[in-house]
């Protein structure tokens, strides 16, 4: 039996769970009160005079349907594109069964306590969210945009993030 994988995003206080068609809301200015429902162009994060400003955290997970017992490994990494000068995506894995989703505190000066390392750029060093064998949900992948003083203004270039999983066809 085949396995399908859908990327889901958790956001808001409750949280709301939605299918993540694209990771295009990382540049939302937290002061606007907008989380994932407002386009970045309407509420961009300004380039700070010093240090860094941060986006709201993005909490994603993978939802599997089918024979998830056959999945042996999951990998997430940035596979294409180059960030504009002064921009970086930080990410990490957070287990959903320990500390679950936490809404961002909306403080532009606060780096995420979960998304603490630069997003990996190869499968071999990629994030490896776990899942329970026979379960349907992976660990959370927490990500955050960091904007540095002196960053290049203007639209972000397009970057590609890849999700891959190994599937045992005999499982």
C-alpha atoms as a PDB file:
ATOM      1  CA  UNK A   1       0.000   0.000   0.000  1.00  0.00           C
ATOM      2  CA  UNK A   2       1.336   3.441  -0.949  1.00  0.00           C
ATOM      3  CA  UNK A   3       2.037   6.266   1.473  1.00  0.00           C
ATOM      4  CA  UNK A   4       1.096   9.892   0.876  1.00  0.00           C
ATOM      5  CA  UNK A   5       2.602  12.818   2.758  1.00  0.00           C
ATOM      6  CA  UNK A   6       1.002  16.229   3.335  1.00  0.00           C
ATOM      7  CA  UNK A   7       2.786  19.193   4.902  1.00  0.00           C
ATOM      8  CA  UNK A   8       0.640  20.752   7.630  1.00  0.00           C
ATOM      9  CA  UNK A   9       1.160  24.044   9.472  1.00  0.00           C
ATOM     10  CA  UNK A  10       0.057  24.925  13.003  1.00  0.00           C
ATOM     11  CA  UNK A  11      -0.529  28.625  13.777  1.00  0.00           C
ATOM     12  CA  UNK A  12      -2.467  30.895  16.102  1.00  0.00           C
ATOM     13  CA  UNK A  13      -3.372  30.416  19.752  1.00  0.00           C
ATOM     14  CA  UNK A  14      -5.511  27.273  19.452  1.00  0.00           C
ATOM     15  CA  UNK A  15      -3.682  26.288  17.051  1.00  0.00           C
ATOM     16  CA  UNK A  16      -5.300  26.257  13.623  1.00  0.00           C
ATOM     17  CA  UNK A  17      -4.047  23.391  11.429  1.00  0.00           C
ATOM     18  CA  UNK A  18      -3.889  23.997   7.684  1.00  0.00           C
ATOM     19  CA  UNK A  19      -2.291  22.377   4.651  1.00  0.00           C
ATOM     20  CA  UNK A  20       0.884  24.336   3.870  1.00  0.00           C
ATOM     21  CA  UNK A  21       0.917  24.917   0.125  1.00  0.00           C
ATOM     22  CA  UNK A  22       4.015  27.122   0.340  1.00  0.00           C
ATOM     23  CA  UNK A  23       6.253  28.470   3.087  1.00  0.00           C
ATOM     24  CA  UNK A  24       5.608  32.065   2.034  1.00  0.00           C
ATOM     25  CA  UNK A  25       4.640  33.736   5.300  1.00  0.00           C
ATOM     26  CA  UNK A  26       8.004  33.935   7.015  1.00  0.00           C
ATOM     27  CA  UNK A  27       8.390  37.671   6.363  1.00  0.00           C
ATOM     28  CA  UNK A  28       5.309  38.801   8.280  1.00  0.00           C
ATOM     29  CA  UNK A  29       5.942  41.692  10.681  1.00  0.00           C
ATOM     30  CA  UNK A  30       4.905  40.528  14.123  1.00  0.00           C
ATOM     31  CA  UNK A  31       3.856  44.035  15.206  1.00  0.00           C
ATOM     32  CA  UNK A  32       1.020  43.949  12.671  1.00  0.00           C
ATOM     33  CA  UNK A  33      -0.711  41.192  14.620  1.00  0.00           C
ATOM     34  CA  UNK A  34      -0.737  39.125  11.450  1.00  0.00           C
ATOM     35  CA  UNK A  35       0.463  35.574  11.725  1.00  0.00           C
ATOM     36  CA  UNK A  36      -0.024  33.472   8.598  1.00  0.00           C
ATOM     37  CA  UNK A  37      -3.103  35.194   7.195  1.00  0.00           C
ATOM     38  CA  UNK A  38      -1.495  38.367   5.816  1.00  0.00           C
ATOM     39  CA  UNK A  39       0.874  38.588   2.881  1.00  0.00           C
ATOM     40  CA  UNK A  40       4.486  39.530   3.690  1.00  0.00           C
ATOM     41  CA  UNK A  41       4.363  42.503   1.275  1.00  0.00           C
ATOM     42  CA  UNK A  42       1.696  44.162   3.437  1.00  0.00           C
ATOM     43  CA  UNK A  43       3.581  43.621   6.715  1.00  0.00           C
ATOM     44  CA  UNK A  44       7.291  43.083   6.055  1.00  0.00           C
ATOM     45  CA  UNK A  45       9.886  42.829   8.777  1.00  0.00           C
ATOM     46  CA  UNK A  46      11.881  46.077   8.600  1.00  0.00           C
ATOM     47  CA  UNK A  47      15.641  45.866   8.354  1.00  0.00           C
ATOM     48  CA  UNK A  48      16.897  46.667  11.862  1.00  0.00           C
ATOM     49  CA  UNK A  49      19.409  49.421  12.573  1.00  0.00           C
ATOM     50  CA  UNK A  50      21.402  46.970  14.694  1.00  0.00           C
ATOM     51  CA  UNK A  51      21.362  43.264  15.508  1.00  0.00           C
ATOM     52  CA  UNK A  52      18.414  41.175  14.209  1.00  0.00           C
ATOM     53  CA  UNK A  53      14.653  41.083  13.883  1.00  0.00           C
ATOM     54  CA  UNK A  54      12.762  37.813  13.641  1.00  0.00           C
ATOM     55  CA  UNK A  55       9.559  36.529  12.071  1.00  0.00           C
ATOM     56  CA  UNK A  56       6.900  34.576  13.872  1.00  0.00           C
ATOM     57  CA  UNK A  57       7.887  30.947  14.179  1.00  0.00           C
ATOM     58  CA  UNK A  58       6.439  28.558  11.615  1.00  0.00           C
ATOM     59  CA  UNK A  59       5.476  25.139  13.009  1.00  0.00           C
ATOM     60  CA  UNK A  60       5.114  22.427  10.344  1.00  0.00           C
ATOM     61  CA  UNK A  61       4.669  18.688  10.493  1.00  0.00           C
ATOM     62  CA  UNK A  62       4.228  15.861   8.020  1.00  0.00           C
ATOM     63  CA  UNK A  63       0.940  13.974   7.955  1.00  0.00           C
ATOM     64  CA  UNK A  64       1.128  10.480   6.486  1.00  0.00           C
ATOM     65  CA  UNK A  65      -1.702   8.396   5.074  1.00  0.00           C
ATOM     66  CA  UNK A  66      -1.320   4.758   4.078  1.00  0.00           C
ATOM     67  CA  UNK A  67       1.192   2.241   5.374  1.00  0.00           C
ATOM     68  CA  UNK A  68       3.317   4.549   7.558  1.00  0.00           C
ATOM     69  CA  UNK A  69       4.889   1.445   9.172  1.00  0.00           C
ATOM     70  CA  UNK A  70       6.967   1.247   5.987  1.00  0.00           C
ATOM     71  CA  UNK A  71       8.635   4.663   6.477  1.00  0.00           C
ATOM     72  CA  UNK A  72      12.198   4.264   7.711  1.00  0.00           C
ATOM     73  CA  UNK A  73      13.619   7.831   7.652  1.00  0.00           C
ATOM     74  CA  UNK A  74      12.498  11.429   7.063  1.00  0.00           C
ATOM     75  CA  UNK A  75      14.734  14.304   5.891  1.00  0.00           C
ATOM     76  CA  UNK A  76      14.093  18.064   5.486  1.00  0.00           C
ATOM     77  CA  UNK A  77      16.621  20.501   3.959  1.00  0.00           C
ATOM     78  CA  UNK A  78      17.026  23.597   1.755  1.00  0.00           C
ATOM     79  CA  UNK A  79      17.843  22.112  -1.619  1.00  0.00           C
ATOM     80  CA  UNK A  80      17.991  25.152  -3.939  1.00  0.00           C
ATOM     81  CA  UNK A  81      18.290  28.926  -3.900  1.00  0.00           C
ATOM     82  CA  UNK A  82      20.468  31.440  -2.104  1.00  0.00           C
ATOM     83  CA  UNK A  83      19.137  33.758   0.585  1.00  0.00           C
ATOM     84  CA  UNK A  84      19.407  37.516   0.042  1.00  0.00           C
ATOM     85  CA  UNK A  85      22.267  39.139   1.961  1.00  0.00           C
ATOM     86  CA  UNK A  86      21.414  39.439   5.647  1.00  0.00           C
ATOM     87  CA  UNK A  87      18.564  36.892   5.686  1.00  0.00           C
ATOM     88  CA  UNK A  88      18.635  33.386   7.131  1.00  0.00           C
ATOM     89  CA  UNK A  89      16.140  30.675   7.992  1.00  0.00           C
ATOM     90  CA  UNK A  90      16.726  28.942  11.298  1.00  0.00           C
ATOM     91  CA  UNK A  91      15.051  25.605  11.970  1.00  0.00           C
ATOM     92  CA  UNK A  92      14.967  22.611  14.252  1.00  0.00           C
ATOM     93  CA  UNK A  93      12.827  19.615  15.184  1.00  0.00           C
ATOM     94  CA  UNK A  94      10.470  19.631  18.177  1.00  0.00           C
ATOM     95  CA  UNK A  95       8.767  16.439  19.347  1.00  0.00           C
ATOM     96  CA  UNK A  96       4.965  16.788  19.293  1.00  0.00           C
ATOM     97  CA  UNK A  97       4.431  14.394  22.183  1.00  0.00           C
ATOM     98  CA  UNK A  98       6.708  16.308  24.572  1.00  0.00           C
ATOM     99  CA  UNK A  99       6.204  20.058  24.304  1.00  0.00           C
ATOM    100  CA  UNK A 100       3.601  20.628  21.619  1.00  0.00           C
ATOM    101  CA  UNK A 101       2.972  23.715  19.534  1.00  0.00           C
ATOM    102  CA  UNK A 102       3.678  27.052  21.227  1.00  0.00           C
ATOM    103  CA  UNK A 103       2.382  30.287  19.691  1.00  0.00           C
ATOM    104  CA  UNK A 104       5.048  32.908  18.969  1.00  0.00           C
ATOM    105  CA  UNK A 105       5.259  35.663  21.571  1.00  0.00           C
ATOM    106  CA  UNK A 106       5.365  38.358  18.886  1.00  0.00           C
ATOM    107  CA  UNK A 107       8.606  39.923  20.071  1.00  0.00           C
ATOM    108  CA  UNK A 108      10.726  41.038  17.109  1.00  0.00           C
ATOM    109  CA  UNK A 109      13.864  40.950  19.214  1.00  0.00           C
ATOM    110  CA  UNK A 110      13.423  37.345  20.311  1.00  0.00           C
ATOM    111  CA  UNK A 111      15.029  34.432  18.546  1.00  0.00           C
ATOM    112  CA  UNK A 112      13.089  31.205  18.744  1.00  0.00           C
ATOM    113  CA  UNK A 113      14.068  28.878  21.548  1.00  0.00           C
ATOM    114  CA  UNK A 114      13.372  25.942  19.185  1.00  0.00           C
ATOM    115  CA  UNK A 115      14.606  27.081  15.745  1.00  0.00           C
ATOM    116  CA  UNK A 116      18.225  27.540  16.767  1.00  0.00           C
ATOM    117  CA  UNK A 117      20.367  26.407  13.812  1.00  0.00           C
ATOM    118  CA  UNK A 118      20.651  27.396  10.172  1.00  0.00           C
ATOM    119  CA  UNK A 119      18.449  25.257   7.914  1.00  0.00           C
ATOM    120  CA  UNK A 120      20.583  22.381   6.539  1.00  0.00           C
ATOM    121  CA  UNK A 121      21.521  22.526   2.855  1.00  0.00           C
ATOM    122  CA  UNK A 122      21.901  18.832   2.042  1.00  0.00           C
ATOM    123  CA  UNK A 123      19.955  15.660   2.704  1.00  0.00           C
ATOM    124  CA  UNK A 124      22.890  14.156   4.558  1.00  0.00           C
ATOM    125  CA  UNK A 125      22.805  16.978   7.127  1.00  0.00           C
ATOM    126  CA  UNK A 126      19.035  17.582   6.918  1.00  0.00           C
ATOM    127  CA  UNK A 127      16.631  17.801   9.806  1.00  0.00           C
ATOM    128  CA  UNK A 128      15.327  14.358  10.715  1.00  0.00           C
ATOM    129  CA  UNK A 129      11.883  14.608  12.294  1.00  0.00           C
ATOM    130  CA  UNK A 130      10.789  11.321  13.814  1.00  0.00           C
ATOM    131  CA  UNK A 131       7.367   9.707  13.846  1.00  0.00           C
ATOM    132  CA  UNK A 132       5.864   6.835  15.734  1.00  0.00           C
ATOM    133  CA  UNK A 133       5.831   3.653  13.673  1.00  0.00           C
ATOM    134  CA  UNK A 134       2.244   3.086  12.661  1.00  0.00           C
ATOM    135  CA  UNK A 135       1.438   6.699  13.536  1.00  0.00           C
ATOM    136  CA  UNK A 136       0.554   9.420  11.110  1.00  0.00           C
ATOM    137  CA  UNK A 137       2.273  12.595  12.351  1.00  0.00           C
ATOM    138  CA  UNK A 138       5.959  13.550  12.349  1.00  0.00           C
ATOM    139  CA  UNK A 139       7.686  15.756  14.874  1.00  0.00           C
ATOM    140  CA  UNK A 140       7.207  19.496  14.397  1.00  0.00           C
ATOM    141  CA  UNK A 141       9.689  21.345  12.193  1.00  0.00           C
ATOM    142  CA  UNK A 142      10.008  24.825  13.687  1.00  0.00           C
ATOM    143  CA  UNK A 143      11.383  27.579  11.441  1.00  0.00           C
ATOM    144  CA  UNK A 144      11.993  31.319  11.752  1.00  0.00           C
ATOM    145  CA  UNK A 145      13.293  34.056   9.454  1.00  0.00           C
ATOM    146  CA  UNK A 146      16.159  36.171  10.813  1.00  0.00           C
ATOM    147  CA  UNK A 147      16.809  39.612   9.279  1.00  0.00           C
ATOM    148  CA  UNK A 148      20.170  41.242  10.060  1.00  0.00           C
ATOM    149  CA  UNK A 149      21.137  44.899  10.164  1.00  0.00           C
ATOM    150  CA  UNK A 150      22.390  45.799   6.691  1.00  0.00           C
ATOM    151  CA  UNK A 151      20.244  43.173   4.935  1.00  0.00           C
ATOM    152  CA  UNK A 152      19.485  43.739   1.250  1.00  0.00           C
ATOM    153  CA  UNK A 153      16.026  45.359   0.969  1.00  0.00           C
ATOM    154  CA  UNK A 154      13.424  44.030  -1.443  1.00  0.00           C
ATOM    155  CA  UNK A 155      11.647  40.770  -2.184  1.00  0.00           C
ATOM    156  CA  UNK A 156      13.232  37.527  -1.047  1.00  0.00           C
ATOM    157  CA  UNK A 157      14.524  35.195  -3.709  1.00  0.00           C
ATOM    158  CA  UNK A 158      12.758  31.876  -4.136  1.00  0.00           C
ATOM    159  CA  UNK A 159      14.276  29.002  -2.176  1.00  0.00           C
ATOM    160  CA  UNK A 160      13.324  25.335  -2.302  1.00  0.00           C
ATOM    161  CA  UNK A 161      12.924  23.193   0.785  1.00  0.00           C
ATOM    162  CA  UNK A 162      12.746  19.451   0.215  1.00  0.00           C
ATOM    163  CA  UNK A 163      11.027  16.770   2.269  1.00  0.00           C
ATOM    164  CA  UNK A 164      12.063  13.190   1.534  1.00  0.00           C
ATOM    165  CA  UNK A 165      11.293   9.931   3.244  1.00  0.00           C
ATOM    166  CA  UNK A 166      12.473   6.382   2.747  1.00  0.00           C
ATOM    167  CA  UNK A 167       9.778   3.850   2.130  1.00  0.00           C
ATOM    168  CA  UNK A 168      10.191   0.092   2.566  1.00  0.00           C
ATOM    169  CA  UNK A 169       8.065  -1.463  -0.181  1.00  0.00           C
ATOM    170  CA  UNK A 170       8.016  -4.787   1.649  1.00  0.00           C
ATOM    171  CA  UNK A 171       6.630  -3.147   4.854  1.00  0.00           C
END
